[in-house]
């Protein structure tokens, strides 16, 4: 039951961290560009010639022509290659940040699991149940070894008694033969 609560609390913490990361990512505008669909060709030699080719301008057209020329001169209007490069570099930086976060979480998880498992092992080694189990096993093995040794000693004693009886019988026969 303890492992389930730790698992669920870890999942909740991870979800909160990911949610905070996404909120920060969405609220801050790291990528401050927007797409504008205008029929403006930036690669052309002169914006003024493409857009403002008519000799009669309305005030709005003049403002639009002047604004587009200023934006082009200030390098605010991007070519498709520049725009693609900016988008790719934005997503590369997101992937880099996420990779670093993955490595950091992996390292922290390893350290936590190692210390937690060491604590559990030390706790189990010092518990009375573990000591009792080890004592029972050692006593059981010692009793088995002691019984085997006693069995071997008894066999050797019986063997020696048998040999002693044979020796005594032979000695008695020799004594009787010597007396005759």
N, C-alpha and C. Protein backbone atom coordinates (compact mmCIF):
# COMPACT_ATOMS: atom_id res chain seq x y z
N UNK A 1 0.82 -1.19 0.00
CA UNK A 1 0.00 0.00 0.00
C UNK A 1 0.87 1.26 0.00
N UNK A 2 2.02 1.17 0.71
CA UNK A 2 2.93 2.31 0.79
C UNK A 2 3.50 2.65 -0.59
N UNK A 3 3.79 1.61 -1.38
CA UNK A 3 4.37 1.84 -2.72
C UNK A 3 3.37 2.52 -3.64
N UNK A 4 2.08 2.16 -3.51
CA UNK A 4 1.08 2.79 -4.37
C UNK A 4 0.96 4.28 -4.07
N UNK A 5 0.96 4.63 -2.79
CA UNK A 5 0.84 6.05 -2.46
C UNK A 5 2.08 6.82 -2.92
N UNK A 6 3.24 6.20 -2.82
CA UNK A 6 4.45 6.87 -3.31
C UNK A 6 4.39 7.03 -4.83
N UNK A 7 3.88 6.01 -5.51
CA UNK A 7 3.76 6.09 -6.98
C UNK A 7 2.80 7.20 -7.37
N UNK A 8 1.64 7.23 -6.73
CA UNK A 8 0.65 8.25 -7.07
C UNK A 8 1.12 9.66 -6.70
N UNK A 9 1.82 9.79 -5.58
CA UNK A 9 2.33 11.11 -5.23
C UNK A 9 3.42 11.55 -6.20
N UNK A 10 4.24 10.61 -6.68
CA UNK A 10 5.24 10.94 -7.69
C UNK A 10 4.60 11.36 -9.01
N UNK A 11 3.55 10.65 -9.39
CA UNK A 11 2.85 11.01 -10.63
C UNK A 11 2.20 12.40 -10.49
N UNK A 12 1.62 12.68 -9.33
CA UNK A 12 1.00 13.98 -9.09
C UNK A 12 2.05 15.09 -9.14
N UNK A 13 3.18 14.87 -8.49
CA UNK A 13 4.26 15.87 -8.52
C UNK A 13 4.78 16.10 -9.93
N UNK A 14 4.97 15.01 -10.68
CA UNK A 14 5.42 15.16 -12.07
C UNK A 14 4.41 15.91 -12.92
N UNK A 15 3.12 15.62 -12.71
CA UNK A 15 2.07 16.32 -13.45
C UNK A 15 2.06 17.80 -13.13
N UNK A 16 2.25 18.13 -11.85
CA UNK A 16 2.27 19.54 -11.45
C UNK A 16 3.47 20.25 -12.09
N UNK A 17 4.64 19.62 -12.10
CA UNK A 17 5.83 20.24 -12.71
C UNK A 17 5.61 20.45 -14.21
N UNK A 18 5.05 19.45 -14.88
CA UNK A 18 4.80 19.60 -16.32
C UNK A 18 3.78 20.68 -16.58
N UNK A 19 2.71 20.73 -15.76
CA UNK A 19 1.69 21.76 -15.93
C UNK A 19 2.28 23.16 -15.72
N UNK A 20 3.11 23.32 -14.70
CA UNK A 20 3.76 24.62 -14.47
C UNK A 20 4.66 25.00 -15.64
N UNK A 21 5.40 24.01 -16.16
CA UNK A 21 6.27 24.28 -17.30
C UNK A 21 5.46 24.74 -18.51
N UNK A 22 4.34 24.07 -18.76
CA UNK A 22 3.51 24.45 -19.90
C UNK A 22 2.87 25.82 -19.69
N UNK A 23 2.44 26.12 -18.47
CA UNK A 23 1.86 27.43 -18.20
C UNK A 23 2.89 28.52 -18.42
N UNK A 24 4.10 28.31 -17.92
CA UNK A 24 5.17 29.30 -18.12
C UNK A 24 5.48 29.44 -19.60
N UNK A 25 5.52 28.33 -20.31
CA UNK A 25 5.85 28.35 -21.73
C UNK A 25 4.78 29.10 -22.53
N UNK A 26 3.52 28.90 -22.16
CA UNK A 26 2.45 29.54 -22.92
C UNK A 26 2.23 31.00 -22.53
N UNK A 27 2.49 31.35 -21.26
CA UNK A 27 2.27 32.74 -20.86
C UNK A 27 3.39 33.66 -21.32
N UNK A 28 4.61 33.20 -21.30
CA UNK A 28 5.71 34.01 -21.79
C UNK A 28 5.84 33.82 -23.29
N UNK A 29 6.02 34.90 -23.98
CA UNK A 29 6.10 34.78 -25.44
C UNK A 29 7.57 34.70 -25.83
N UNK A 30 8.08 33.48 -25.85
CA UNK A 30 9.46 33.29 -26.28
C UNK A 30 9.60 33.52 -27.78
N UNK A 31 8.54 33.21 -28.48
CA UNK A 31 8.56 33.30 -29.93
C UNK A 31 7.60 34.41 -30.33
N UNK A 32 8.13 35.59 -30.47
CA UNK A 32 7.29 36.77 -30.63
C UNK A 32 7.13 37.14 -32.11
N UNK A 33 6.68 36.21 -32.91
CA UNK A 33 6.43 36.45 -34.32
C UNK A 33 5.00 36.04 -34.62
N UNK A 34 4.40 36.68 -35.57
CA UNK A 34 3.10 36.22 -36.02
C UNK A 34 3.11 36.24 -37.54
N UNK A 35 2.29 35.38 -38.08
CA UNK A 35 2.26 35.24 -39.53
C UNK A 35 1.31 36.27 -40.10
N UNK A 36 1.76 36.96 -41.09
CA UNK A 36 0.94 37.94 -41.78
C UNK A 36 0.90 37.55 -43.25
N UNK A 37 -0.30 37.33 -43.76
CA UNK A 37 -0.44 36.92 -45.15
C UNK A 37 -0.66 38.14 -46.01
N UNK A 38 0.39 38.64 -46.55
CA UNK A 38 0.35 39.78 -47.45
C UNK A 38 1.04 39.35 -48.73
N UNK A 39 0.65 39.92 -49.77
CA UNK A 39 1.30 39.59 -51.03
C UNK A 39 2.51 40.49 -51.21
N UNK A 40 3.46 40.27 -50.31
CA UNK A 40 4.70 41.05 -50.35
C UNK A 40 5.82 40.07 -50.62
N UNK A 41 6.58 40.34 -51.61
CA UNK A 41 7.72 39.50 -51.94
C UNK A 41 8.97 40.22 -51.48
N UNK A 42 9.56 39.68 -50.46
CA UNK A 42 10.70 40.35 -49.84
C UNK A 42 11.93 40.23 -50.70
N UNK A 43 11.99 39.19 -51.50
CA UNK A 43 13.18 38.98 -52.31
C UNK A 43 13.25 39.91 -53.51
N UNK A 44 12.21 40.64 -53.75
CA UNK A 44 12.24 41.54 -54.91
C UNK A 44 13.17 42.73 -54.62
N UNK A 45 13.55 43.40 -55.64
CA UNK A 45 14.54 44.47 -55.49
C UNK A 45 13.95 45.70 -54.82
N UNK A 46 12.70 45.96 -55.07
CA UNK A 46 12.12 47.17 -54.48
C UNK A 46 10.68 46.90 -54.10
N UNK A 47 10.40 47.06 -52.83
CA UNK A 47 9.02 46.90 -52.38
C UNK A 47 8.13 48.00 -52.94
N UNK A 48 8.69 49.14 -53.05
CA UNK A 48 7.92 50.28 -53.53
C UNK A 48 7.42 50.04 -54.94
N UNK A 49 8.24 49.42 -55.77
CA UNK A 49 7.84 49.16 -57.15
C UNK A 49 6.77 48.08 -57.23
N UNK A 50 6.83 47.07 -56.37
CA UNK A 50 5.86 45.99 -56.42
C UNK A 50 4.49 46.40 -55.90
N UNK A 51 4.47 47.10 -54.80
CA UNK A 51 3.19 47.42 -54.17
C UNK A 51 2.65 48.75 -54.68
N UNK A 52 3.50 49.70 -54.82
CA UNK A 52 3.08 51.06 -55.14
C UNK A 52 3.41 51.41 -56.59
N UNK A 53 3.01 50.57 -57.49
CA UNK A 53 3.35 50.80 -58.90
C UNK A 53 2.50 51.88 -59.53
N UNK A 54 1.32 52.08 -59.00
CA UNK A 54 0.44 53.12 -59.58
C UNK A 54 0.98 54.50 -59.22
N UNK A 55 0.72 55.43 -60.12
CA UNK A 55 1.20 56.78 -59.85
C UNK A 55 0.24 57.53 -58.93
N UNK A 56 -0.98 57.04 -58.83
CA UNK A 56 -1.96 57.71 -57.96
C UNK A 56 -2.02 56.89 -56.67
N UNK A 57 -1.74 57.53 -55.56
CA UNK A 57 -1.76 56.87 -54.26
C UNK A 57 -2.89 57.43 -53.44
N UNK A 58 -3.50 56.51 -52.73
CA UNK A 58 -4.39 57.00 -51.67
C UNK A 58 -3.54 57.14 -50.43
N UNK A 59 -4.08 57.81 -49.46
CA UNK A 59 -3.32 58.01 -48.24
C UNK A 59 -3.00 56.67 -47.56
N UNK A 60 -3.95 55.75 -47.58
CA UNK A 60 -3.72 54.42 -46.96
C UNK A 60 -2.63 53.66 -47.70
N UNK A 61 -2.65 53.74 -49.02
CA UNK A 61 -1.64 53.04 -49.79
C UNK A 61 -0.26 53.62 -49.53
N UNK A 62 -0.18 54.90 -49.38
CA UNK A 62 1.12 55.52 -49.10
C UNK A 62 1.64 55.09 -47.73
N UNK A 63 0.72 55.09 -46.75
CA UNK A 63 1.13 54.65 -45.42
C UNK A 63 1.59 53.19 -45.44
N UNK A 64 0.83 52.40 -46.20
CA UNK A 64 1.18 50.98 -46.29
C UNK A 64 2.54 50.80 -46.98
N UNK A 65 2.77 51.53 -48.03
CA UNK A 65 4.05 51.44 -48.74
C UNK A 65 5.19 51.91 -47.85
N UNK A 66 4.99 53.00 -47.15
CA UNK A 66 6.04 53.52 -46.27
C UNK A 66 6.31 52.55 -45.12
N UNK A 67 5.24 52.00 -44.56
CA UNK A 67 5.40 51.06 -43.45
C UNK A 67 6.14 49.81 -43.92
N UNK A 68 5.78 49.27 -45.05
CA UNK A 68 6.45 48.08 -45.57
C UNK A 68 7.92 48.35 -45.88
N UNK A 69 8.21 49.52 -46.41
CA UNK A 69 9.61 49.87 -46.68
C UNK A 69 10.41 50.00 -45.38
N UNK A 70 9.80 50.62 -44.37
CA UNK A 70 10.49 50.75 -43.08
C UNK A 70 10.73 49.38 -42.45
N UNK A 71 9.71 48.53 -42.49
CA UNK A 71 9.85 47.19 -41.90
C UNK A 71 10.90 46.38 -42.65
N UNK A 72 10.94 46.51 -43.93
CA UNK A 72 11.94 45.78 -44.70
C UNK A 72 13.34 46.32 -44.41
N UNK A 73 13.47 47.61 -44.29
CA UNK A 73 14.78 48.20 -43.99
C UNK A 73 15.24 47.83 -42.57
N UNK A 74 14.30 47.72 -41.64
CA UNK A 74 14.63 47.36 -40.25
C UNK A 74 14.76 45.86 -40.06
N UNK A 75 14.62 45.08 -41.12
CA UNK A 75 14.71 43.61 -41.09
C UNK A 75 13.66 42.98 -40.17
N UNK A 76 12.46 43.61 -40.14
CA UNK A 76 11.36 43.04 -39.36
C UNK A 76 10.58 42.07 -40.23
N UNK A 77 10.47 42.37 -41.48
CA UNK A 77 9.81 41.45 -42.41
C UNK A 77 10.82 40.35 -42.73
N UNK A 78 10.40 39.13 -42.54
CA UNK A 78 11.30 38.00 -42.69
C UNK A 78 11.04 37.26 -43.99
N UNK A 79 12.09 36.74 -44.54
CA UNK A 79 11.94 35.86 -45.70
C UNK A 79 11.44 34.51 -45.19
N UNK A 80 10.90 33.68 -46.07
CA UNK A 80 10.44 32.35 -45.61
C UNK A 80 11.56 31.53 -44.97
N UNK A 81 12.79 31.65 -45.46
CA UNK A 81 13.90 30.93 -44.87
C UNK A 81 14.20 31.42 -43.45
N UNK A 82 14.19 32.75 -43.29
CA UNK A 82 14.45 33.31 -41.96
C UNK A 82 13.35 32.89 -40.98
N UNK A 83 12.11 32.95 -41.46
CA UNK A 83 10.99 32.56 -40.59
C UNK A 83 11.11 31.08 -40.20
N UNK A 84 11.43 30.23 -41.16
CA UNK A 84 11.59 28.80 -40.88
C UNK A 84 12.75 28.57 -39.91
N UNK A 85 13.86 29.29 -40.11
CA UNK A 85 15.00 29.16 -39.19
C UNK A 85 14.62 29.57 -37.78
N UNK A 86 13.83 30.64 -37.65
CA UNK A 86 13.41 31.07 -36.31
C UNK A 86 12.51 30.03 -35.66
N UNK A 87 11.59 29.46 -36.40
CA UNK A 87 10.70 28.44 -35.85
C UNK A 87 11.50 27.20 -35.44
N UNK A 88 12.42 26.78 -36.30
CA UNK A 88 13.22 25.60 -35.99
C UNK A 88 14.10 25.84 -34.77
N UNK A 89 14.71 27.00 -34.67
CA UNK A 89 15.56 27.28 -33.50
C UNK A 89 14.72 27.36 -32.22
N UNK A 90 13.49 27.87 -32.32
CA UNK A 90 12.60 27.91 -31.16
C UNK A 90 12.31 26.50 -30.67
N UNK A 91 11.94 25.61 -31.57
CA UNK A 91 11.63 24.24 -31.16
C UNK A 91 12.89 23.48 -30.74
N UNK A 92 14.02 23.80 -31.33
CA UNK A 92 15.28 23.20 -30.86
C UNK A 92 15.58 23.59 -29.42
N UNK A 93 15.35 24.85 -29.10
CA UNK A 93 15.60 25.29 -27.72
C UNK A 93 14.61 24.63 -26.76
N UNK A 94 13.37 24.43 -27.17
CA UNK A 94 12.40 23.71 -26.32
C UNK A 94 12.86 22.28 -26.11
N UNK A 95 13.30 21.62 -27.18
CA UNK A 95 13.78 20.25 -27.04
C UNK A 95 15.01 20.17 -26.14
N UNK A 96 15.89 21.15 -26.25
CA UNK A 96 17.08 21.18 -25.40
C UNK A 96 16.69 21.30 -23.93
N UNK A 97 15.77 22.22 -23.64
CA UNK A 97 15.32 22.40 -22.25
C UNK A 97 14.67 21.13 -21.73
N UNK A 98 13.84 20.51 -22.54
CA UNK A 98 13.16 19.28 -22.10
C UNK A 98 14.16 18.14 -21.92
N UNK A 99 15.18 18.07 -22.76
CA UNK A 99 16.21 17.03 -22.61
C UNK A 99 17.00 17.24 -21.33
N UNK A 100 17.33 18.47 -21.03
CA UNK A 100 18.05 18.76 -19.79
C UNK A 100 17.17 18.42 -18.58
N UNK A 101 15.88 18.74 -18.67
CA UNK A 101 14.97 18.41 -17.57
C UNK A 101 14.86 16.90 -17.41
N UNK A 102 14.81 16.16 -18.51
CA UNK A 102 14.74 14.70 -18.44
C UNK A 102 16.00 14.14 -17.78
N UNK A 103 17.14 14.66 -18.16
CA UNK A 103 18.39 14.18 -17.56
C UNK A 103 18.44 14.52 -16.07
N UNK A 104 17.99 15.70 -15.71
CA UNK A 104 18.00 16.11 -14.30
C UNK A 104 17.05 15.23 -13.49
N UNK A 105 15.83 15.01 -14.02
CA UNK A 105 14.87 14.16 -13.31
C UNK A 105 15.37 12.73 -13.22
N UNK A 106 16.02 12.25 -14.25
CA UNK A 106 16.56 10.89 -14.21
C UNK A 106 17.65 10.77 -13.14
N UNK A 107 18.53 11.73 -13.09
CA UNK A 107 19.59 11.70 -12.09
C UNK A 107 19.01 11.79 -10.68
N UNK A 108 18.07 12.72 -10.48
CA UNK A 108 17.46 12.87 -9.16
C UNK A 108 16.69 11.61 -8.77
N UNK A 109 16.02 10.98 -9.73
CA UNK A 109 15.30 9.74 -9.43
C UNK A 109 16.27 8.64 -9.04
N UNK A 110 17.38 8.55 -9.73
CA UNK A 110 18.39 7.54 -9.40
C UNK A 110 18.92 7.74 -7.99
N UNK A 111 19.26 8.98 -7.66
CA UNK A 111 19.80 9.28 -6.33
C UNK A 111 18.75 8.98 -5.26
N UNK A 112 17.51 9.38 -5.51
CA UNK A 112 16.45 9.14 -4.53
C UNK A 112 16.21 7.65 -4.33
N UNK A 113 16.11 6.91 -5.42
CA UNK A 113 15.85 5.47 -5.31
C UNK A 113 17.00 4.75 -4.63
N UNK A 114 18.22 5.16 -4.93
CA UNK A 114 19.37 4.52 -4.30
C UNK A 114 19.38 4.78 -2.80
N UNK A 115 19.17 6.01 -2.40
CA UNK A 115 19.17 6.32 -0.96
C UNK A 115 17.98 5.68 -0.26
N UNK A 116 16.84 5.68 -0.93
CA UNK A 116 15.65 5.07 -0.34
C UNK A 116 15.83 3.57 -0.17
N UNK A 117 16.39 2.91 -1.17
CA UNK A 117 16.61 1.46 -1.06
C UNK A 117 17.66 1.15 0.00
N UNK A 118 18.71 1.98 0.11
CA UNK A 118 19.70 1.78 1.17
C UNK A 118 19.07 1.94 2.55
N UNK A 119 18.19 2.93 2.70
CA UNK A 119 17.51 3.12 3.98
C UNK A 119 16.63 1.92 4.31
N UNK A 120 15.93 1.40 3.31
CA UNK A 120 15.08 0.22 3.54
C UNK A 120 15.91 -1.00 3.93
N UNK A 121 17.03 -1.17 3.27
CA UNK A 121 17.90 -2.31 3.58
C UNK A 121 18.44 -2.18 5.00
N UNK A 122 18.90 -0.99 5.37
CA UNK A 122 19.41 -0.79 6.73
C UNK A 122 18.31 -0.99 7.77
N UNK A 123 17.11 -0.52 7.45
CA UNK A 123 15.99 -0.69 8.37
C UNK A 123 15.65 -2.16 8.53
N UNK A 124 15.65 -2.91 7.44
CA UNK A 124 15.35 -4.34 7.51
C UNK A 124 16.46 -5.12 8.21
N UNK A 125 17.71 -4.70 8.03
CA UNK A 125 18.82 -5.38 8.70
C UNK A 125 18.75 -5.21 10.22
N UNK A 126 18.23 -4.09 10.68
CA UNK A 126 18.16 -3.82 12.11
C UNK A 126 16.86 -4.29 12.75
N UNK A 127 15.92 -4.78 11.95
CA UNK A 127 14.63 -5.17 12.51
C UNK A 127 14.76 -6.49 13.28
N UNK A 128 13.89 -6.64 14.26
CA UNK A 128 13.90 -7.84 15.11
C UNK A 128 13.51 -9.07 14.28
N UNK A 129 12.60 -8.90 13.36
CA UNK A 129 12.15 -10.03 12.53
C UNK A 129 13.32 -10.60 11.73
N UNK A 130 14.12 -9.71 11.14
CA UNK A 130 15.27 -10.16 10.35
C UNK A 130 16.28 -10.87 11.24
N UNK A 131 16.56 -10.28 12.41
CA UNK A 131 17.52 -10.89 13.34
C UNK A 131 17.02 -12.25 13.80
N UNK A 132 15.71 -12.35 14.09
CA UNK A 132 15.14 -13.64 14.50
C UNK A 132 15.23 -14.67 13.38
N UNK A 133 14.94 -14.28 12.18
CA UNK A 133 15.03 -15.21 11.04
C UNK A 133 16.46 -15.69 10.83
N UNK A 134 17.42 -14.76 10.90
CA UNK A 134 18.82 -15.15 10.72
C UNK A 134 19.26 -16.05 11.86
N UNK A 135 18.84 -15.72 13.07
CA UNK A 135 19.20 -16.56 14.23
C UNK A 135 18.63 -17.96 14.08
N UNK A 136 17.37 -18.06 13.67
CA UNK A 136 16.75 -19.38 13.48
C UNK A 136 17.48 -20.18 12.42
N UNK A 137 17.85 -19.53 11.35
CA UNK A 137 18.55 -20.23 10.27
C UNK A 137 19.92 -20.69 10.75
N UNK A 138 20.64 -19.79 11.43
CA UNK A 138 21.97 -20.16 11.94
C UNK A 138 21.88 -21.27 12.99
N UNK A 139 20.91 -21.17 13.89
CA UNK A 139 20.73 -22.21 14.92
C UNK A 139 20.36 -23.53 14.26
N UNK A 140 19.47 -23.45 13.26
CA UNK A 140 19.09 -24.67 12.53
C UNK A 140 20.28 -25.31 11.85
N UNK A 141 21.10 -24.51 11.22
CA UNK A 141 22.29 -25.06 10.55
C UNK A 141 23.28 -25.61 11.57
N UNK A 142 23.44 -24.88 12.69
CA UNK A 142 24.36 -25.36 13.73
C UNK A 142 23.86 -26.68 14.32
N UNK A 143 22.54 -26.78 14.54
CA UNK A 143 21.98 -28.03 15.07
C UNK A 143 22.19 -29.17 14.08
N UNK A 144 21.96 -28.90 12.81
CA UNK A 144 22.17 -29.94 11.79
C UNK A 144 23.63 -30.38 11.78
N UNK A 145 24.54 -29.40 11.80
CA UNK A 145 25.97 -29.75 11.80
C UNK A 145 26.33 -30.52 13.07
N UNK A 146 25.79 -30.08 14.21
CA UNK A 146 26.07 -30.76 15.47
C UNK A 146 25.53 -32.18 15.46
N UNK A 147 24.34 -32.38 14.92
CA UNK A 147 23.76 -33.72 14.83
C UNK A 147 24.60 -34.61 13.91
N UNK A 148 25.05 -34.05 12.81
CA UNK A 148 25.90 -34.82 11.91
C UNK A 148 27.20 -35.22 12.61
N UNK A 149 27.80 -34.26 13.32
CA UNK A 149 29.04 -34.57 14.05
C UNK A 149 28.79 -35.62 15.14
N UNK A 150 27.69 -35.50 15.86
CA UNK A 150 27.37 -36.50 16.89
C UNK A 150 27.14 -37.87 16.25
N UNK A 151 26.45 -37.87 15.11
CA UNK A 151 26.23 -39.14 14.40
C UNK A 151 27.55 -39.77 13.99
N UNK A 152 28.46 -38.95 13.43
CA UNK A 152 29.78 -39.46 13.03
C UNK A 152 30.56 -39.97 14.25
N UNK A 153 30.50 -39.21 15.35
CA UNK A 153 31.22 -39.62 16.56
C UNK A 153 30.63 -40.93 17.11
N UNK A 154 29.31 -41.04 17.09
CA UNK A 154 28.67 -42.28 17.56
C UNK A 154 29.06 -43.46 16.70
N UNK A 155 29.10 -43.25 15.38
CA UNK A 155 29.51 -44.33 14.49
C UNK A 155 30.95 -44.75 14.78
N UNK A 156 31.82 -43.76 14.97
CA UNK A 156 33.22 -44.06 15.25
C UNK A 156 33.36 -44.76 16.60
N UNK A 157 32.58 -44.32 17.59
CA UNK A 157 32.63 -44.98 18.90
C UNK A 157 32.15 -46.44 18.81
N UNK A 158 31.06 -46.64 18.05
CA UNK A 158 30.56 -48.01 17.87
C UNK A 158 31.59 -48.85 17.14
N UNK A 159 32.23 -48.24 16.14
CA UNK A 159 33.26 -48.95 15.41
C UNK A 159 34.42 -49.30 16.34
N UNK A 160 34.83 -48.32 17.16
CA UNK A 160 35.92 -48.57 18.10
C UNK A 160 35.53 -49.62 19.15
N UNK A 161 34.29 -49.57 19.60
CA UNK A 161 33.82 -50.57 20.57
C UNK A 161 33.85 -51.96 19.95
N UNK A 162 33.41 -52.01 18.68
CA UNK A 162 33.43 -53.30 17.97
C UNK A 162 34.85 -53.81 17.83
N UNK A 163 35.76 -52.96 17.50
CA UNK A 163 37.15 -53.36 17.35
C UNK A 163 37.75 -53.74 18.71
N UNK A 164 37.33 -53.01 19.76
CA UNK A 164 37.82 -53.32 21.10
C UNK A 164 37.31 -54.69 21.56
N UNK A 165 36.07 -54.95 21.24
CA UNK A 165 35.51 -56.26 21.59
C UNK A 165 36.25 -57.35 20.83
N UNK A 166 36.52 -57.16 19.56
CA UNK A 166 37.27 -58.14 18.77
C UNK A 166 38.67 -58.31 19.34
N UNK A 167 39.27 -57.17 19.69
CA UNK A 167 40.61 -57.24 20.25
C UNK A 167 40.60 -57.99 21.59
N UNK A 168 39.62 -57.70 22.41
CA UNK A 168 39.51 -58.39 23.69
C UNK A 168 39.25 -59.88 23.49
N UNK A 169 38.43 -60.21 22.50
CA UNK A 169 38.15 -61.62 22.23
C UNK A 169 39.43 -62.32 21.76
N UNK A 170 40.18 -61.68 20.91
CA UNK A 170 41.44 -62.27 20.43
C UNK A 170 42.44 -62.37 21.59
N UNK A 171 42.44 -61.34 22.44
CA UNK A 171 43.36 -61.37 23.57
C UNK A 171 42.97 -62.49 24.53
N UNK A 172 41.69 -62.69 24.74
CA UNK A 172 41.24 -63.77 25.61
C UNK A 172 41.60 -65.11 25.00
N UNK A 173 41.46 -65.26 23.72
CA UNK A 173 41.80 -66.52 23.05
C UNK A 173 43.31 -66.77 23.17
N UNK A 174 44.08 -65.72 23.00
CA UNK A 174 45.53 -65.84 23.14
C UNK A 174 45.91 -66.23 24.57
N UNK A 175 45.21 -65.63 25.52
CA UNK A 175 45.50 -65.98 26.92
C UNK A 175 45.10 -67.43 27.21
N UNK A 176 44.04 -67.85 26.65
CA UNK A 176 43.59 -69.24 26.88
C UNK A 176 44.57 -70.17 26.17
N UNK A 177 44.99 -69.83 25.01
CA UNK A 177 45.94 -70.68 24.29
C UNK A 177 47.28 -70.70 25.02
N UNK A 178 47.68 -69.67 25.61
CA UNK A 178 48.94 -69.62 26.33
C UNK A 178 48.84 -70.44 27.62
N UNK A 179 47.70 -70.46 28.21
CA UNK A 179 47.53 -71.22 29.44
C UNK A 179 47.48 -72.70 29.15
N UNK A 180 47.07 -73.11 28.10
CA UNK A 180 46.98 -74.54 27.79
C UNK A 180 48.30 -75.01 27.43
